[in-house]
Amino acid sequence: MTDTTPAALAANEIMEEAALWCIQLSEGSLDEDEWAQFEAWLTQPGHADVLQEAIAVWQASGAIGDRPRIISLRTEALTEFRNKNRRRWVIASRRIWWPLGYAAALLLLLGTGSFWYLNQPSRYETGIGERQVAMLDDGSRVSIDAVTAMTVRMKDEARQVELVEGRAKFDVAKDPLRPFTVAAGDKLIAAVGTSFSVEMIDGEVRVILYEGQVEVRDRSDSAPGPAASSQRLLMTPGSEFIGAAGSARPGQVTRPDLSQSLSWEQGLINFDQEPLARAVERMNRYSTKRIVLADPAVGRIAVDGVYKAGDVDAFVEGVVALHPVRQRRANSEIILERE
C-alpha cells in the first residue's frame, strides 16, 4: 500500500526535486538565477543527501545514458523542467507533481536500465580461422576454437555459459558455491573446478573431461538432487561423452586420445578414423576456401592424419590420395565426390 502520510509525501517531493536537479546539472546549462535556486534548495535539511542518491543512480546509468531512447526521455524531462522551472518556486508543490514525477520515473528507468545493461551476458565470438583465449571474471580460462559463439553470465549464485556453436575448452576456477554450467544444444554440463571441452558438431554435443568431474544432463531436467534422472551422467577424467542433439537416446562414452583431442589449441587438426563429413566440418572452421561433399556416402568415409588448421589443400590432397574420392573446384569451393 502506498504511504500517503504528509511526511512520506514530503520525502517523495524532495526525491523528485533531486531528480530534476540531477537532470539539469547533467546538462550543465544552469544560468545565474537557476544556480541561485539550486543553491537555495540544496541548503534545506536533507536535500544534499537525497541529491547524492539521485546522482549515484545517474552515474550508474552511464553505460546506457547515450542510447537514443534514454536521450529522448531525458530531453523531454529537461524541456518540461525548463518550461516550469521559474513557476515551481512560487506554485504549491502539489501543482507541479507531474513534471517531478516524470523526472523521478526517468531516474528509475535509468537505474533499472543500468541494472539490465550490467547484467547482460558477455558474448564471445570467433570467425573463420580465428582462435582466442578469454579470462572470465571468476578466474576461469576459456580457449575458444574458430567459428565459435558463446555467451557468459556471471551471477552471485551461478556461472552460466551457453555454447551457441563451435568448440571451447574450459579450465574452471574452483568455487563450490557457484556451479559452472555450459549449455550446448539440449545438454547441460555442470562442473565446479575442473577442465573440460564442449563441442557442437555434426548434429552432436561432444564433451571431453580432462580433470575433475562434470555431470551431463538434459537441459529440460531441472529436478534437484542426483537421483532426479537416469539420463544424468557423471563423467570421469579421460572420457568423452557423445550425444545426438535433440535425441532421446542416451549418449555414449568413449576413451579418446587426450593429447590428440587438444591439438586444435596448437593449430593442428588431428583425425583418427574420423568420418569425412565431421572432418570437413572441422577443417571448414579455418579457411574461407570451403570443402563441400557431393553426397552423404562420401561423408561416411573414415579419414586419418594430422593437418595444419587452414591448410585445406593439403587435407584434400591427403583424402584424394588415400580414398576413392576426387576433387572438383568451383569458385571458392572444393567439391569432393566419389570416383
Foldseek 3Di string as FASTA:
>chain_A
DDDPDPVSVVVLLLLLVLLLVLLVVVVVDDDPVRVVVVVVSCPDPPSVVSNVVLNVLVVLLVVPCPPPVLVVLSVVLNVVCVVCVVVCVPDDSVVCVVSSVSSVVSSVVSNVVSVVVVQDWDKDAAAFQDWDWDQDPVRKIKTFFFGWIKTWGDDPQETEMETAAAKMKIQADADVRYWYWYHYQQKIKIDGGAIKMWHQFPQKIKIAGATDKIKMAGNVQPDDDPVRDPLIDIDDHQKMWIDGRPDPDRTDIDRDDVVQVPCVSVQKHWFDQAQQRRVQVQLRSHEPLHEAEPDVVNRRGGDGDMDGRHPVVVVQVRDVVPDQWDWDDDDSYIYIYGD
